[in-house]
Amino acid sequence: MTGFSLWMGAAAFIAVSYFFGAGFPKDKIWNILLSFCLGLIWGLMAFSLLHVSWISGLVASSVMFGILTFLALFLQGTILPFTEVPAWLITWGTTMLIISNITIKSWPMFCFELLASMFMGIFVIGYASDYFNKVMFKLFPEKKPKDDDSQDHDAADKGEPGNELG
């Protein structure tokens, strides 16, 4: 983050949060990374469409966002079944949030920085956390409680007394 803008770290954490939330699916890493790329494209499309005067209004922009969302879902359900819509939408939203709050001086550099930070979020933060977790479990294995039969017998003996008179 020191070499780039502060938003880079936020984008990395957003990406790795999705990855952990999805259950750390290592077998779908390339699907997720491709979905991040498509989300960036969707964000750039939406941003450019918002600069068209007749689309920038509330109703027209709402319809535009609805159509783009439908297209993402439709494409994922038909010709792009390998994509992950949540990753796609997260990147779309992240792109829109960033470009609506800072001035972009170089669009190619912005796209590279955003995707690089999201990819690094998964590979550096995600995989490093996974590796650290494995090391910690090797150093400090979980101890299983001893199986104590006396507790089971005590619980059975402490039942209510029965009617012993008859």
N, C-alpha and C. Protein backbone atom coordinates (compact mmCIF):
# COMPACT_ATOMS: atom_id res chain seq x y z
N MET A 1 0.81 -1.20 0.00
CA MET A 1 0.00 0.00 0.00
C MET A 1 0.86 1.26 0.00
N THR A 2 2.09 1.18 0.46
CA THR A 2 2.89 2.40 0.52
C THR A 2 3.29 2.89 -0.86
N GLY A 3 3.42 1.99 -1.83
CA GLY A 3 3.79 2.39 -3.18
C GLY A 3 2.62 2.87 -4.00
N PHE A 4 1.42 2.52 -3.58
CA PHE A 4 0.22 2.90 -4.32
C PHE A 4 -0.69 3.72 -3.42
N SER A 5 -1.91 3.91 -3.82
CA SER A 5 -2.87 4.66 -3.01
C SER A 5 -3.43 3.79 -1.90
N LEU A 6 -4.03 4.42 -0.93
CA LEU A 6 -4.57 3.71 0.22
C LEU A 6 -5.70 2.77 -0.16
N TRP A 7 -6.46 3.09 -1.21
CA TRP A 7 -7.59 2.24 -1.60
C TRP A 7 -7.14 0.87 -2.05
N MET A 8 -5.87 0.73 -2.40
CA MET A 8 -5.37 -0.56 -2.85
C MET A 8 -5.52 -1.62 -1.76
N GLY A 9 -5.20 -1.25 -0.54
CA GLY A 9 -5.32 -2.20 0.57
C GLY A 9 -6.77 -2.58 0.81
N ALA A 10 -7.66 -1.61 0.68
CA ALA A 10 -9.08 -1.90 0.87
C ALA A 10 -9.58 -2.89 -0.19
N ALA A 11 -9.16 -2.71 -1.43
CA ALA A 11 -9.58 -3.62 -2.50
C ALA A 11 -9.05 -5.02 -2.24
N ALA A 12 -7.82 -5.12 -1.74
CA ALA A 12 -7.25 -6.43 -1.42
C ALA A 12 -8.05 -7.11 -0.33
N PHE A 13 -8.44 -6.38 0.69
CA PHE A 13 -9.22 -6.97 1.78
C PHE A 13 -10.63 -7.31 1.35
N ILE A 14 -11.21 -6.54 0.45
CA ILE A 14 -12.53 -6.87 -0.08
C ILE A 14 -12.45 -8.19 -0.83
N ALA A 15 -11.42 -8.35 -1.66
CA ALA A 15 -11.27 -9.58 -2.45
C ALA A 15 -11.06 -10.79 -1.56
N VAL A 16 -10.17 -10.68 -0.59
CA VAL A 16 -9.90 -11.83 0.26
C VAL A 16 -11.09 -12.11 1.20
N SER A 17 -11.85 -11.10 1.54
CA SER A 17 -13.06 -11.33 2.36
C SER A 17 -14.05 -12.18 1.59
N TYR A 18 -14.23 -11.86 0.30
CA TYR A 18 -15.11 -12.71 -0.51
C TYR A 18 -14.56 -14.13 -0.57
N PHE A 19 -13.26 -14.26 -0.79
CA PHE A 19 -12.63 -15.58 -0.94
C PHE A 19 -12.81 -16.41 0.33
N PHE A 20 -12.59 -15.80 1.50
CA PHE A 20 -12.80 -16.53 2.75
C PHE A 20 -14.27 -16.81 2.97
N GLY A 21 -15.13 -15.85 2.63
CA GLY A 21 -16.57 -16.04 2.80
C GLY A 21 -17.12 -17.15 1.92
N ALA A 22 -16.48 -17.37 0.78
CA ALA A 22 -16.90 -18.45 -0.12
C ALA A 22 -16.33 -19.80 0.32
N GLY A 23 -15.58 -19.82 1.41
CA GLY A 23 -15.05 -21.08 1.93
C GLY A 23 -13.65 -21.40 1.43
N PHE A 24 -12.92 -20.40 0.96
CA PHE A 24 -11.54 -20.57 0.48
C PHE A 24 -11.47 -21.65 -0.59
N PRO A 25 -12.26 -21.49 -1.67
CA PRO A 25 -12.32 -22.53 -2.71
C PRO A 25 -11.11 -22.48 -3.65
N LYS A 26 -10.04 -23.18 -3.28
CA LYS A 26 -8.82 -23.17 -4.08
C LYS A 26 -9.04 -23.74 -5.48
N ASP A 27 -10.02 -24.61 -5.62
CA ASP A 27 -10.30 -25.20 -6.93
C ASP A 27 -11.00 -24.21 -7.87
N LYS A 28 -11.50 -23.10 -7.34
CA LYS A 28 -12.20 -22.11 -8.17
C LYS A 28 -11.45 -20.79 -8.26
N ILE A 29 -10.17 -20.81 -7.94
CA ILE A 29 -9.40 -19.56 -7.90
C ILE A 29 -9.40 -18.84 -9.25
N TRP A 30 -9.22 -19.57 -10.34
CA TRP A 30 -9.17 -18.93 -11.66
C TRP A 30 -10.55 -18.45 -12.08
N ASN A 31 -11.60 -19.14 -11.66
CA ASN A 31 -12.96 -18.68 -11.93
C ASN A 31 -13.22 -17.35 -11.22
N ILE A 32 -12.75 -17.26 -9.99
CA ILE A 32 -12.94 -16.04 -9.21
C ILE A 32 -12.13 -14.89 -9.80
N LEU A 33 -10.89 -15.17 -10.18
CA LEU A 33 -10.05 -14.11 -10.76
C LEU A 33 -10.63 -13.61 -12.08
N LEU A 34 -11.16 -14.51 -12.90
CA LEU A 34 -11.82 -14.09 -14.14
C LEU A 34 -13.06 -13.26 -13.82
N SER A 35 -13.79 -13.65 -12.80
CA SER A 35 -14.98 -12.88 -12.39
C SER A 35 -14.59 -11.50 -11.90
N PHE A 36 -13.44 -11.38 -11.23
CA PHE A 36 -12.94 -10.06 -10.84
C PHE A 36 -12.70 -9.20 -12.08
N CYS A 37 -12.13 -9.78 -13.12
CA CYS A 37 -11.88 -9.04 -14.37
C CYS A 37 -13.19 -8.58 -15.00
N LEU A 38 -14.18 -9.46 -15.02
CA LEU A 38 -15.48 -9.09 -15.58
C LEU A 38 -16.16 -8.01 -14.74
N GLY A 39 -16.00 -8.08 -13.43
CA GLY A 39 -16.56 -7.04 -12.56
C GLY A 39 -15.93 -5.69 -12.83
N LEU A 40 -14.64 -5.68 -13.11
CA LEU A 40 -13.97 -4.42 -13.45
C LEU A 40 -14.53 -3.87 -14.77
N ILE A 41 -14.71 -4.74 -15.74
CA ILE A 41 -15.30 -4.31 -17.03
C ILE A 41 -16.70 -3.76 -16.80
N TRP A 42 -17.50 -4.43 -15.97
CA TRP A 42 -18.86 -3.96 -15.68
C TRP A 42 -18.82 -2.60 -14.99
N GLY A 43 -17.89 -2.42 -14.08
CA GLY A 43 -17.76 -1.14 -13.39
C GLY A 43 -17.39 -0.02 -14.34
N LEU A 44 -16.47 -0.30 -15.26
CA LEU A 44 -16.08 0.72 -16.24
C LEU A 44 -17.22 1.03 -17.21
N MET A 45 -17.98 -0.01 -17.59
CA MET A 45 -19.13 0.22 -18.47
C MET A 45 -20.18 1.08 -17.77
N ALA A 46 -20.50 0.74 -16.54
CA ALA A 46 -21.51 1.49 -15.79
C ALA A 46 -21.07 2.94 -15.60
N PHE A 47 -19.80 3.13 -15.27
CA PHE A 47 -19.28 4.48 -15.07
C PHE A 47 -19.37 5.30 -16.36
N SER A 48 -19.01 4.68 -17.47
CA SER A 48 -19.09 5.42 -18.74
C SER A 48 -20.54 5.68 -19.14
N LEU A 49 -21.43 4.74 -18.88
CA LEU A 49 -22.85 4.96 -19.20
C LEU A 49 -23.45 6.07 -18.34
N LEU A 50 -22.97 6.20 -17.11
CA LEU A 50 -23.48 7.27 -16.25
C LEU A 50 -23.09 8.65 -16.75
N HIS A 51 -22.13 8.73 -17.64
CA HIS A 51 -21.74 10.01 -18.22
C HIS A 51 -22.58 10.38 -19.45
N VAL A 52 -23.47 9.49 -19.86
CA VAL A 52 -24.43 9.81 -20.92
C VAL A 52 -25.56 10.57 -20.25
N SER A 53 -25.87 11.74 -20.76
CA SER A 53 -26.80 12.65 -20.05
C SER A 53 -28.17 12.02 -19.78
N TRP A 54 -28.74 11.31 -20.73
CA TRP A 54 -30.08 10.78 -20.53
C TRP A 54 -30.10 9.51 -19.66
N ILE A 55 -28.92 8.95 -19.33
CA ILE A 55 -28.85 7.77 -18.45
C ILE A 55 -28.50 8.18 -17.01
N SER A 56 -28.00 9.36 -16.83
CA SER A 56 -27.50 9.76 -15.51
C SER A 56 -28.60 10.06 -14.49
N GLY A 57 -29.83 10.14 -14.92
CA GLY A 57 -30.92 10.39 -13.97
C GLY A 57 -31.22 9.17 -13.11
N LEU A 58 -32.02 9.37 -12.10
CA LEU A 58 -32.31 8.31 -11.13
C LEU A 58 -32.98 7.10 -11.77
N VAL A 59 -34.06 7.31 -12.51
CA VAL A 59 -34.80 6.19 -13.09
C VAL A 59 -33.97 5.49 -14.16
N ALA A 60 -33.40 6.27 -15.07
CA ALA A 60 -32.62 5.67 -16.17
C ALA A 60 -31.39 4.93 -15.65
N SER A 61 -30.71 5.49 -14.65
CA SER A 61 -29.53 4.80 -14.10
C SER A 61 -29.94 3.53 -13.35
N SER A 62 -31.09 3.56 -12.69
CA SER A 62 -31.59 2.36 -12.02
C SER A 62 -31.89 1.25 -13.02
N VAL A 63 -32.49 1.64 -14.15
CA VAL A 63 -32.77 0.67 -15.21
C VAL A 63 -31.46 0.13 -15.78
N MET A 64 -30.49 1.02 -15.98
CA MET A 64 -29.20 0.60 -16.52
C MET A 64 -28.51 -0.39 -15.58
N PHE A 65 -28.51 -0.11 -14.29
CA PHE A 65 -27.91 -1.03 -13.32
C PHE A 65 -28.67 -2.36 -13.29
N GLY A 66 -29.98 -2.30 -13.42
CA GLY A 66 -30.77 -3.53 -13.47
C GLY A 66 -30.45 -4.36 -14.70
N ILE A 67 -30.30 -3.71 -15.84
CA ILE A 67 -29.97 -4.43 -17.08
C ILE A 67 -28.58 -5.05 -16.98
N LEU A 68 -27.61 -4.29 -16.46
CA LEU A 68 -26.26 -4.84 -16.31
C LEU A 68 -26.24 -6.02 -15.32
N THR A 69 -27.02 -5.93 -14.27
CA THR A 69 -27.10 -7.04 -13.31
C THR A 69 -27.74 -8.25 -13.98
N PHE A 70 -28.83 -8.03 -14.72
CA PHE A 70 -29.47 -9.13 -15.44
C PHE A 70 -28.49 -9.77 -16.43
N LEU A 71 -27.73 -8.95 -17.14
CA LEU A 71 -26.75 -9.48 -18.10
C LEU A 71 -25.68 -10.32 -17.40
N ALA A 72 -25.22 -9.87 -16.27
CA ALA A 72 -24.22 -10.65 -15.52
C ALA A 72 -24.79 -12.01 -15.13
N LEU A 73 -26.01 -12.01 -14.61
CA LEU A 73 -26.66 -13.27 -14.22
C LEU A 73 -26.95 -14.15 -15.43
N PHE A 74 -27.41 -13.53 -16.51
CA PHE A 74 -27.72 -14.28 -17.73
C PHE A 74 -26.46 -14.91 -18.32
N LEU A 75 -25.39 -14.12 -18.41
CA LEU A 75 -24.14 -14.64 -18.97
C LEU A 75 -23.58 -15.77 -18.11
N GLN A 76 -23.66 -15.61 -16.81
CA GLN A 76 -23.16 -16.67 -15.92
C GLN A 76 -24.00 -17.93 -16.08
N GLY A 77 -25.27 -17.77 -16.29
CA GLY A 77 -26.16 -18.93 -16.43
C GLY A 77 -26.12 -19.58 -17.80
N THR A 78 -25.53 -18.92 -18.79
CA THR A 78 -25.53 -19.48 -20.15
C THR A 78 -24.11 -19.74 -20.65
N ILE A 79 -23.47 -18.73 -21.20
CA ILE A 79 -22.18 -18.96 -21.87
C ILE A 79 -20.96 -18.82 -20.95
N LEU A 80 -21.14 -18.31 -19.74
CA LEU A 80 -20.02 -18.16 -18.80
C LEU A 80 -20.32 -18.87 -17.47
N PRO A 81 -20.66 -20.17 -17.51
CA PRO A 81 -21.05 -20.85 -16.27
C PRO A 81 -19.90 -21.00 -15.27
N PHE A 82 -18.69 -20.80 -15.72
CA PHE A 82 -17.52 -20.95 -14.86
C PHE A 82 -17.25 -19.70 -14.01
N THR A 83 -18.00 -18.63 -14.25
CA THR A 83 -17.79 -17.41 -13.47
C THR A 83 -18.53 -17.49 -12.14
N GLU A 84 -18.13 -16.62 -11.24
CA GLU A 84 -18.74 -16.52 -9.92
C GLU A 84 -19.39 -15.13 -9.81
N VAL A 85 -20.72 -15.11 -9.85
CA VAL A 85 -21.43 -13.83 -9.86
C VAL A 85 -21.12 -12.98 -8.62
N PRO A 86 -21.04 -13.55 -7.41
CA PRO A 86 -20.71 -12.67 -6.27
C PRO A 86 -19.36 -11.97 -6.43
N ALA A 87 -18.36 -12.67 -6.96
CA ALA A 87 -17.06 -12.03 -7.18
C ALA A 87 -17.17 -10.95 -8.25
N TRP A 88 -17.96 -11.23 -9.26
CA TRP A 88 -18.21 -10.28 -10.34
C TRP A 88 -18.84 -9.01 -9.78
N LEU A 89 -19.88 -9.18 -8.97
CA LEU A 89 -20.61 -8.03 -8.42
C LEU A 89 -19.78 -7.26 -7.39
N ILE A 90 -18.98 -7.98 -6.61
CA ILE A 90 -18.13 -7.31 -5.62
C ILE A 90 -17.12 -6.40 -6.31
N THR A 91 -16.53 -6.90 -7.39
CA THR A 91 -15.55 -6.08 -8.11
C THR A 91 -16.24 -4.92 -8.82
N TRP A 92 -17.40 -5.15 -9.34
CA TRP A 92 -18.17 -4.07 -9.97
C TRP A 92 -18.41 -2.97 -8.94
N GLY A 93 -18.90 -3.34 -7.79
CA GLY A 93 -19.17 -2.37 -6.74
C GLY A 93 -17.92 -1.66 -6.24
N THR A 94 -16.83 -2.42 -6.08
CA THR A 94 -15.57 -1.82 -5.64
C THR A 94 -15.06 -0.82 -6.67
N THR A 95 -15.15 -1.18 -7.93
CA THR A 95 -14.73 -0.28 -9.01
C THR A 95 -15.55 1.01 -8.97
N MET A 96 -16.87 0.86 -8.88
CA MET A 96 -17.74 2.04 -8.86
C MET A 96 -17.46 2.91 -7.63
N LEU A 97 -17.22 2.29 -6.49
CA LEU A 97 -16.95 3.05 -5.28
C LEU A 97 -15.66 3.87 -5.41
N ILE A 98 -14.63 3.24 -5.93
CA ILE A 98 -13.34 3.93 -6.04
C ILE A 98 -13.41 5.05 -7.07
N ILE A 99 -13.92 4.75 -8.27
CA ILE A 99 -13.87 5.78 -9.32
C ILE A 99 -14.86 6.91 -9.09
N SER A 100 -15.82 6.70 -8.20
CA SER A 100 -16.73 7.80 -7.89
C SER A 100 -16.18 8.67 -6.76
N ASN A 101 -15.05 8.29 -6.18
CA ASN A 101 -14.50 9.06 -5.06
C ASN A 101 -13.10 9.62 -5.30
N ILE A 102 -12.41 9.15 -6.33
CA ILE A 102 -11.09 9.71 -6.62
C ILE A 102 -11.00 10.03 -8.11
N THR A 103 -10.10 10.91 -8.44
CA THR A 103 -9.87 11.25 -9.84
C THR A 103 -8.88 10.25 -10.42
N ILE A 104 -9.24 9.65 -11.54
CA ILE A 104 -8.38 8.69 -12.21
C ILE A 104 -7.57 9.44 -13.26
N LYS A 105 -6.26 9.37 -13.14
CA LYS A 105 -5.39 10.06 -14.10
C LYS A 105 -5.00 9.15 -15.25
N SER A 106 -4.88 7.87 -14.99
CA SER A 106 -4.52 6.91 -16.02
C SER A 106 -5.42 5.69 -15.89
N TRP A 107 -6.34 5.51 -16.81
CA TRP A 107 -7.28 4.40 -16.73
C TRP A 107 -6.60 3.03 -16.85
N PRO A 108 -5.65 2.86 -17.75
CA PRO A 108 -4.98 1.55 -17.80
C PRO A 108 -4.25 1.23 -16.48
N MET A 109 -3.60 2.24 -15.89
CA MET A 109 -2.90 2.02 -14.63
C MET A 109 -3.89 1.73 -13.50
N PHE A 110 -5.01 2.43 -13.51
CA PHE A 110 -6.04 2.17 -12.51
C PHE A 110 -6.52 0.72 -12.59
N CYS A 111 -6.82 0.26 -13.80
CA CYS A 111 -7.31 -1.12 -13.98
C CYS A 111 -6.26 -2.12 -13.52
N PHE A 112 -5.02 -1.88 -13.88
CA PHE A 112 -3.95 -2.77 -13.46
C PHE A 112 -3.82 -2.78 -11.94
N GLU A 113 -3.80 -1.60 -11.33
CA GLU A 113 -3.63 -1.51 -9.88
C GLU A 113 -4.79 -2.18 -9.13
N LEU A 114 -6.00 -1.98 -9.61
CA LEU A 114 -7.15 -2.57 -8.94
C LEU A 114 -7.11 -4.09 -9.01
N LEU A 115 -6.91 -4.62 -10.21
CA LEU A 115 -6.85 -6.08 -10.35
C LEU A 115 -5.64 -6.65 -9.61
N ALA A 116 -4.51 -5.98 -9.68
CA ALA A 116 -3.31 -6.46 -8.98
C ALA A 116 -3.56 -6.50 -7.47
N SER A 117 -4.21 -5.47 -6.94
CA SER A 117 -4.46 -5.46 -5.50
C SER A 117 -5.46 -6.55 -5.10
N MET A 118 -6.46 -6.79 -5.93
CA MET A 118 -7.43 -7.83 -5.61
C MET A 118 -6.79 -9.22 -5.72
N PHE A 119 -5.97 -9.41 -6.74
CA PHE A 119 -5.27 -10.69 -6.89
C PHE A 119 -4.30 -10.90 -5.72
N MET A 120 -3.58 -9.83 -5.35
CA MET A 120 -2.66 -9.94 -4.22
C MET A 120 -3.41 -10.19 -2.92
N GLY A 121 -4.61 -9.65 -2.81
CA GLY A 121 -5.41 -9.93 -1.62
C GLY A 121 -5.64 -11.42 -1.45
N ILE A 122 -5.96 -12.08 -2.55
CA ILE A 122 -6.19 -13.52 -2.47
C ILE A 122 -4.88 -14.28 -2.28
N PHE A 123 -3.89 -13.97 -3.11
CA PHE A 123 -2.65 -14.76 -3.07
C PHE A 123 -1.77 -14.43 -1.87
N VAL A 124 -1.69 -13.17 -1.50
CA VAL A 124 -0.82 -12.81 -0.38
C VAL A 124 -1.54 -12.95 0.95
N ILE A 125 -2.66 -12.25 1.09
CA ILE A 125 -3.36 -12.30 2.37
C ILE A 125 -4.02 -13.67 2.56
N GLY A 126 -4.74 -14.14 1.55
CA GLY A 126 -5.47 -15.40 1.68
C GLY A 126 -4.58 -16.61 1.86
N TYR A 127 -3.68 -16.82 0.92
CA TYR A 127 -2.82 -17.99 0.99
C TYR A 127 -1.82 -17.89 2.14
N ALA A 128 -1.33 -16.69 2.45
CA ALA A 128 -0.43 -16.53 3.60
C ALA A 128 -1.17 -16.86 4.90
N SER A 129 -2.43 -16.42 5.01
CA SER A 129 -3.22 -16.75 6.20
C SER A 129 -3.46 -18.24 6.31
N ASP A 130 -3.73 -18.87 5.18
CA ASP A 130 -3.94 -20.31 5.16
C ASP A 130 -2.67 -21.05 5.59
N TYR A 131 -1.53 -20.62 5.06
CA TYR A 131 -0.25 -21.24 5.42
C TYR A 131 0.05 -21.02 6.90
N PHE A 132 -0.16 -19.80 7.38
CA PHE A 132 0.06 -19.49 8.80
C PHE A 132 -0.83 -20.35 9.68
N ASN A 133 -2.08 -20.53 9.27
CA ASN A 133 -3.02 -21.36 10.03
C ASN A 133 -2.51 -22.79 10.12
N LYS A 134 -2.02 -23.34 9.02
CA LYS A 134 -1.49 -24.71 9.02
C LYS A 134 -0.26 -24.83 9.91
N VAL A 135 0.62 -23.85 9.86
CA VAL A 135 1.81 -23.86 10.71
C VAL A 135 1.42 -23.81 12.18
N MET A 136 0.46 -22.98 12.51
CA MET A 136 0.04 -22.85 13.91
C MET A 136 -0.59 -24.15 14.42
N PHE A 137 -1.35 -24.84 13.58
CA PHE A 137 -1.94 -26.10 14.01
C PHE A 137 -0.89 -27.19 14.16
N LYS A 138 0.20 -27.09 13.39
CA LYS A 138 1.29 -28.06 13.58
C LYS A 138 2.05 -27.78 14.87
N LEU A 139 2.27 -26.49 15.13
CA LEU A 139 3.00 -26.13 16.35
C LEU A 139 2.16 -26.34 17.61
N PHE A 140 0.88 -26.05 17.51
CA PHE A 140 -0.01 -26.16 18.66
C PHE A 140 -1.23 -26.98 18.28
N PRO A 141 -1.07 -28.31 18.22
CA PRO A 141 -2.23 -29.15 17.84
C PRO A 141 -3.33 -29.06 18.89
N GLU A 142 -4.54 -29.23 18.42
CA GLU A 142 -5.68 -29.19 19.33
C GLU A 142 -5.64 -30.42 20.22
N LYS A 143 -5.89 -30.22 21.49
CA LYS A 143 -5.91 -31.33 22.43
C LYS A 143 -7.35 -31.77 22.63
N LYS A 144 -7.55 -33.06 22.50
CA LYS A 144 -8.90 -33.59 22.68
C LYS A 144 -9.10 -33.88 24.17
N PRO A 145 -10.28 -33.59 24.70
CA PRO A 145 -10.52 -33.89 26.12
C PRO A 145 -10.53 -35.41 26.32
N LYS A 146 -10.03 -35.79 27.51
CA LYS A 146 -10.02 -37.22 27.82
C LYS A 146 -11.44 -37.72 27.99
N ASP A 147 -11.67 -38.95 27.54
CA ASP A 147 -12.99 -39.55 27.66
C ASP A 147 -13.13 -40.06 29.08
N ASP A 148 -13.96 -39.43 29.87
CA ASP A 148 -14.11 -39.76 31.29
C ASP A 148 -15.43 -40.49 31.50
N ASP A 149 -15.37 -41.79 31.72
CA ASP A 149 -16.58 -42.59 31.91
C ASP A 149 -17.27 -42.27 33.22
N SER A 150 -16.53 -41.78 34.21
CA SER A 150 -17.15 -41.53 35.51
C SER A 150 -18.21 -40.45 35.41
N GLN A 151 -18.07 -39.50 34.49
CA GLN A 151 -19.07 -38.45 34.35
C GLN A 151 -20.37 -39.03 33.82
N ASP A 152 -20.29 -39.99 32.91
CA ASP A 152 -21.50 -40.60 32.36
C ASP A 152 -22.24 -41.38 33.43
N HIS A 153 -21.50 -42.09 34.28
CA HIS A 153 -22.15 -42.89 35.33
C HIS A 153 -22.76 -42.00 36.39
N ASP A 154 -22.09 -40.89 36.72
CA ASP A 154 -22.64 -39.98 37.73
C ASP A 154 -23.94 -39.36 37.25
N ALA A 155 -24.01 -39.01 35.99
CA ALA A 155 -25.23 -38.40 35.45
C ALA A 155 -26.38 -39.39 35.47
N ALA A 156 -26.09 -40.64 35.22
CA ALA A 156 -27.15 -41.66 35.22
C ALA A 156 -27.64 -41.94 36.63
N ASP A 157 -26.75 -41.87 37.62
CA ASP A 157 -27.14 -42.16 39.00
C ASP A 157 -27.88 -41.02 39.67
N LYS A 158 -27.79 -39.82 39.13
CA LYS A 158 -28.40 -38.66 39.78
C LYS A 158 -29.81 -38.40 39.27
N GLY A 159 -30.46 -39.37 38.73
CA GLY A 159 -31.83 -39.20 38.28
C GLY A 159 -32.76 -39.07 39.47
N GLU A 160 -34.02 -38.75 39.20
CA GLU A 160 -34.96 -38.64 40.29
C GLU A 160 -35.22 -40.01 40.90
N PRO A 161 -35.39 -40.03 42.19
CA PRO A 161 -35.65 -41.34 42.81
C PRO A 161 -37.02 -41.86 42.39
N GLY A 162 -37.07 -43.11 42.14
CA GLY A 162 -38.32 -43.72 41.73
C GLY A 162 -39.25 -43.95 42.92
N ASN A 163 -40.44 -44.36 42.66
CA ASN A 163 -41.39 -44.67 43.72
C ASN A 163 -41.06 -46.06 44.24
N GLU A 164 -40.39 -46.07 45.40
CA GLU A 164 -39.90 -47.32 45.92
C GLU A 164 -40.94 -48.06 46.77
N LEU A 165 -42.06 -47.44 47.04
CA LEU A 165 -43.06 -48.06 47.88
C LEU A 165 -43.98 -48.97 47.10
N GLY A 166 -44.02 -48.85 45.88
CA GLY A 166 -44.92 -49.77 45.24
C GLY A 166 -45.25 -49.53 43.89
